[in-house]
Amino acid sequence: MRDIEKYEQVYLHDDEDFGRYQVRYRRKKTLELYQRLDTHHVVELGCGMEPLFSYVPSESYDDWIVVEPAETFYHAACKAADGNSRVHCLHAFFQNDDELLNQIHQHAGESIDLIVCTSLLHELESKS
């Protein structure tokens, strides 16, 4: 399993402008896609320090579920969601885990319209 604490520290202390540019560009492109879709129930896998729900009106979705394994990022998402009953933050790795999937479905029901997974897949360890 990925050393999430090490990843968190590298992410927080990345002083390269290119990394910050990539985050802004991914957010811009994801928001462009989001605006074209009719979404009600969104799952965001890994949010970094700025969850995507912070950039969209809360009236545009019914439920936004953030699944974030890094403690600092999870707390940042919780703080950003403070007072927004439509946002649910889960401190977990996204995996085939019945308890986590039940928590997601508890908030979103059976219909998830969009799963946001940007700049995450390359971080997964290969099992080959």
C-alpha atoms as a PDB file:
ATOM      1  CA  MET A   1       0.000   0.000   0.000  1.00  0.00           C
ATOM      2  CA  ARG A   2       1.149   3.533  -0.784  1.00  0.00           C
ATOM      3  CA  ASP A   3       2.864   5.451   2.036  1.00  0.00           C
ATOM      4  CA  ILE A   4       0.189   8.139   2.219  1.00  0.00           C
ATOM      5  CA  GLU A   5       2.009  10.200   4.833  1.00  0.00           C
ATOM      6  CA  LYS A   6       5.097  10.455   2.623  1.00  0.00           C
ATOM      7  CA  TYR A   7       2.914  11.355  -0.385  1.00  0.00           C
ATOM      8  CA  GLU A   8       1.151  14.013   1.690  1.00  0.00           C
ATOM      9  CA  GLN A   9       4.438  15.644   2.710  1.00  0.00           C
ATOM     10  CA  VAL A  10       5.799  15.655  -0.847  1.00  0.00           C
ATOM     11  CA  TYR A  11       2.546  17.184  -2.115  1.00  0.00           C
ATOM     12  CA  LEU A  12       2.473  19.872   0.580  1.00  0.00           C
ATOM     13  CA  HIS A  13       6.098  20.859   0.063  1.00  0.00           C
ATOM     14  CA  ASP A  14       6.198  20.795  -3.733  1.00  0.00           C
ATOM     15  CA  ASP A  15       7.754  24.150  -4.517  1.00  0.00           C
ATOM     16  CA  GLU A  16       7.752  23.613  -8.260  1.00  0.00           C
ATOM     17  CA  ASP A  17       5.458  25.933 -10.181  1.00  0.00           C
ATOM     18  CA  PHE A  18       4.769  23.138 -12.667  1.00  0.00           C
ATOM     19  CA  GLY A  19       3.021  21.021 -10.006  1.00  0.00           C
ATOM     20  CA  ARG A  20       0.770  23.898  -8.994  1.00  0.00           C
ATOM     21  CA  TYR A  21       0.070  24.649 -12.657  1.00  0.00           C
ATOM     22  CA  GLN A  22      -0.967  21.024 -13.194  1.00  0.00           C
ATOM     23  CA  VAL A  23      -3.412  21.204 -10.266  1.00  0.00           C
ATOM     24  CA  ARG A  24      -5.009  24.392 -11.630  1.00  0.00           C
ATOM     25  CA  TYR A  25      -5.242  22.984 -15.164  1.00  0.00           C
ATOM     26  CA  ARG A  26      -6.780  19.675 -14.013  1.00  0.00           C
ATOM     27  CA  ARG A  27      -9.306  21.610 -11.927  1.00  0.00           C
ATOM     28  CA  LYS A  28     -10.178  23.872 -14.880  1.00  0.00           C
ATOM     29  CA  LYS A  29     -10.741  20.935 -17.254  1.00  0.00           C
ATOM     30  CA  THR A  30     -12.698  18.928 -14.680  1.00  0.00           C
ATOM     31  CA  LEU A  31     -14.959  21.903 -13.925  1.00  0.00           C
ATOM     32  CA  GLU A  32     -15.580  22.384 -17.655  1.00  0.00           C
ATOM     33  CA  LEU A  33     -16.737  18.767 -17.860  1.00  0.00           C
ATOM     34  CA  TYR A  34     -18.793  19.063 -14.671  1.00  0.00           C
ATOM     35  CA  GLN A  35     -20.670  22.074 -16.044  1.00  0.00           C
ATOM     36  CA  ARG A  36     -21.717  20.124 -19.143  1.00  0.00           C
ATOM     37  CA  LEU A  37     -23.151  17.217 -17.144  1.00  0.00           C
ATOM     38  CA  ASP A  38     -26.363  16.834 -15.196  1.00  0.00           C
ATOM     39  CA  THR A  39     -24.883  15.587 -11.939  1.00  0.00           C
ATOM     40  CA  HIS A  40     -26.639  15.038  -8.655  1.00  0.00           C
ATOM     41  CA  HIS A  41     -24.419  12.575  -6.809  1.00  0.00           C
ATOM     42  CA  VAL A  42     -20.646  13.014  -7.124  1.00  0.00           C
ATOM     43  CA  VAL A  43     -17.792  10.993  -5.624  1.00  0.00           C
ATOM     44  CA  GLU A  44     -14.395  12.717  -5.546  1.00  0.00           C
ATOM     45  CA  LEU A  45     -11.464  10.349  -5.040  1.00  0.00           C
ATOM     46  CA  GLY A  46      -8.541  12.213  -3.507  1.00  0.00           C
ATOM     47  CA  CYS A  47      -8.999  15.952  -3.229  1.00  0.00           C
ATOM     48  CA  GLY A  48      -5.637  17.367  -2.191  1.00  0.00           C
ATOM     49  CA  MET A  49      -5.821  20.655  -0.318  1.00  0.00           C
ATOM     50  CA  GLU A  50      -8.631  22.097  -2.441  1.00  0.00           C
ATOM     51  CA  PRO A  51     -11.608  19.810  -2.951  1.00  0.00           C
ATOM     52  CA  LEU A  52     -13.440  20.363  -6.207  1.00  0.00           C
ATOM     53  CA  PHE A  53     -16.790  20.997  -4.491  1.00  0.00           C
ATOM     54  CA  SER A  54     -15.327  24.301  -3.267  1.00  0.00           C
ATOM     55  CA  TYR A  55     -15.466  25.544  -6.862  1.00  0.00           C
ATOM     56  CA  VAL A  56     -19.087  24.718  -7.693  1.00  0.00           C
ATOM     57  CA  PRO A  57     -22.373  26.028  -6.256  1.00  0.00           C
ATOM     58  CA  SER A  58     -23.771  23.591  -3.699  1.00  0.00           C
ATOM     59  CA  GLU A  59     -27.178  23.887  -5.373  1.00  0.00           C
ATOM     60  CA  SER A  60     -25.722  22.157  -8.443  1.00  0.00           C
ATOM     61  CA  TYR A  61     -25.524  18.752  -6.696  1.00  0.00           C
ATOM     62  CA  ASP A  62     -27.483  16.745  -4.139  1.00  0.00           C
ATOM     63  CA  ASP A  63     -24.541  14.920  -2.578  1.00  0.00           C
ATOM     64  CA  TRP A  64     -20.787  15.253  -2.968  1.00  0.00           C
ATOM     65  CA  ILE A  65     -18.773  12.496  -1.322  1.00  0.00           C
ATOM     66  CA  VAL A  66     -15.032  12.989  -0.857  1.00  0.00           C
ATOM     67  CA  VAL A  67     -12.919   9.887  -0.237  1.00  0.00           C
ATOM     68  CA  GLU A  68      -9.500  11.025   0.977  1.00  0.00           C
ATOM     69  CA  PRO A  69      -6.868   8.855   2.712  1.00  0.00           C
ATOM     70  CA  ALA A  70      -4.373  11.602   3.652  1.00  0.00           C
ATOM     71  CA  GLU A  71      -5.182  13.088   7.037  1.00  0.00           C
ATOM     72  CA  THR A  72      -4.238  16.704   6.206  1.00  0.00           C
ATOM     73  CA  PHE A  73      -6.235  16.651   2.958  1.00  0.00           C
ATOM     74  CA  TYR A  74      -9.201  14.979   4.684  1.00  0.00           C
ATOM     75  CA  HIS A  75      -9.268  17.685   7.373  1.00  0.00           C
ATOM     76  CA  ALA A  76      -8.987  20.411   4.713  1.00  0.00           C
ATOM     77  CA  ALA A  77     -12.008  18.909   2.933  1.00  0.00           C
ATOM     78  CA  CYS A  78     -13.966  18.730   6.192  1.00  0.00           C
ATOM     79  CA  LYS A  79     -13.150  22.362   6.909  1.00  0.00           C
ATOM     80  CA  ALA A  80     -14.192  23.415   3.388  1.00  0.00           C
ATOM     81  CA  ALA A  81     -17.431  21.442   3.789  1.00  0.00           C
ATOM     82  CA  ASP A  82     -18.271  22.930   7.183  1.00  0.00           C
ATOM     83  CA  GLY A  83     -21.925  23.919   7.141  1.00  0.00           C
ATOM     84  CA  ASN A  84     -22.646  22.243   3.796  1.00  0.00           C
ATOM     85  CA  SER A  85     -24.900  19.273   4.544  1.00  0.00           C
ATOM     86  CA  ARG A  86     -24.598  18.085   0.938  1.00  0.00           C
ATOM     87  CA  VAL A  87     -20.888  17.251   1.321  1.00  0.00           C
ATOM     88  CA  HIS A  88     -19.742  14.092   3.067  1.00  0.00           C
ATOM     89  CA  CYS A  89     -16.052  13.470   3.753  1.00  0.00           C
ATOM     90  CA  LEU A  90     -14.763   9.934   4.274  1.00  0.00           C
ATOM     91  CA  HIS A  91     -11.252   9.331   5.602  1.00  0.00           C
ATOM     92  CA  ALA A  92     -10.304   6.205   3.679  1.00  0.00           C
ATOM     93  CA  PHE A  93      -8.504   4.708   0.721  1.00  0.00           C
ATOM     94  CA  PHE A  94     -10.887   3.979  -2.133  1.00  0.00           C
ATOM     95  CA  GLN A  95     -10.877   0.254  -2.611  1.00  0.00           C
ATOM     96  CA  ASN A  96     -13.212  -2.679  -2.905  1.00  0.00           C
ATOM     97  CA  ASP A  97     -14.320  -2.407   0.702  1.00  0.00           C
ATOM     98  CA  ASP A  98     -17.927  -3.193   1.605  1.00  0.00           C
ATOM     99  CA  GLU A  99     -17.994  -0.771   4.549  1.00  0.00           C
ATOM    100  CA  LEU A 100     -16.713   2.148   2.463  1.00  0.00           C
ATOM    101  CA  LEU A 101     -19.025   1.344  -0.436  1.00  0.00           C
ATOM    102  CA  ASN A 102     -21.958   1.168   1.993  1.00  0.00           C
ATOM    103  CA  GLN A 103     -21.027   4.607   3.362  1.00  0.00           C
ATOM    104  CA  ILE A 104     -20.918   6.038  -0.160  1.00  0.00           C
ATOM    105  CA  HIS A 105     -24.289   4.515  -1.043  1.00  0.00           C
ATOM    106  CA  GLN A 106     -25.743   5.713   2.257  1.00  0.00           C
ATOM    107  CA  HIS A 107     -25.167   9.294   1.075  1.00  0.00           C
ATOM    108  CA  ALA A 108     -25.614   8.945  -2.687  1.00  0.00           C
ATOM    109  CA  GLY A 109     -28.075   6.119  -2.920  1.00  0.00           C
ATOM    110  CA  GLU A 110     -27.603   3.781  -5.852  1.00  0.00           C
ATOM    111  CA  SER A 111     -27.092   6.485  -8.464  1.00  0.00           C
ATOM    112  CA  ILE A 112     -23.660   8.034  -8.686  1.00  0.00           C
ATOM    113  CA  ASP A 113     -23.547  10.398 -11.642  1.00  0.00           C
ATOM    114  CA  LEU A 114     -19.862  11.275 -11.631  1.00  0.00           C
ATOM    115  CA  ILE A 115     -16.685   9.874 -10.113  1.00  0.00           C
ATOM    116  CA  VAL A 116     -13.869  12.429 -10.123  1.00  0.00           C
ATOM    117  CA  CYS A 117     -10.478  10.756 -10.195  1.00  0.00           C
ATOM    118  CA  THR A 118      -7.851  13.209 -11.424  1.00  0.00           C
ATOM    119  CA  SER A 119      -4.130  12.676 -11.011  1.00  0.00           C
ATOM    120  CA  LEU A 120      -4.571   9.581  -8.921  1.00  0.00           C
ATOM    121  CA  LEU A 121      -4.170   6.455 -11.015  1.00  0.00           C
ATOM    122  CA  HIS A 122      -0.446   6.969 -11.569  1.00  0.00           C
ATOM    123  CA  GLU A 123      -0.015   6.952  -7.767  1.00  0.00           C
ATOM    124  CA  LEU A 124      -1.311   3.396  -7.382  1.00  0.00           C
ATOM    125  CA  GLU A 125       1.162   0.608  -6.828  1.00  0.00           C
ATOM    126  CA  SER A 126       1.393  -1.962  -9.580  1.00  0.00           C
ATOM    127  CA  LYS A 127       0.267  -5.462  -8.600  1.00  0.00           C
ATOM    128  CA  SER A 128       1.827  -7.100 -11.667  1.00  0.00           C
END
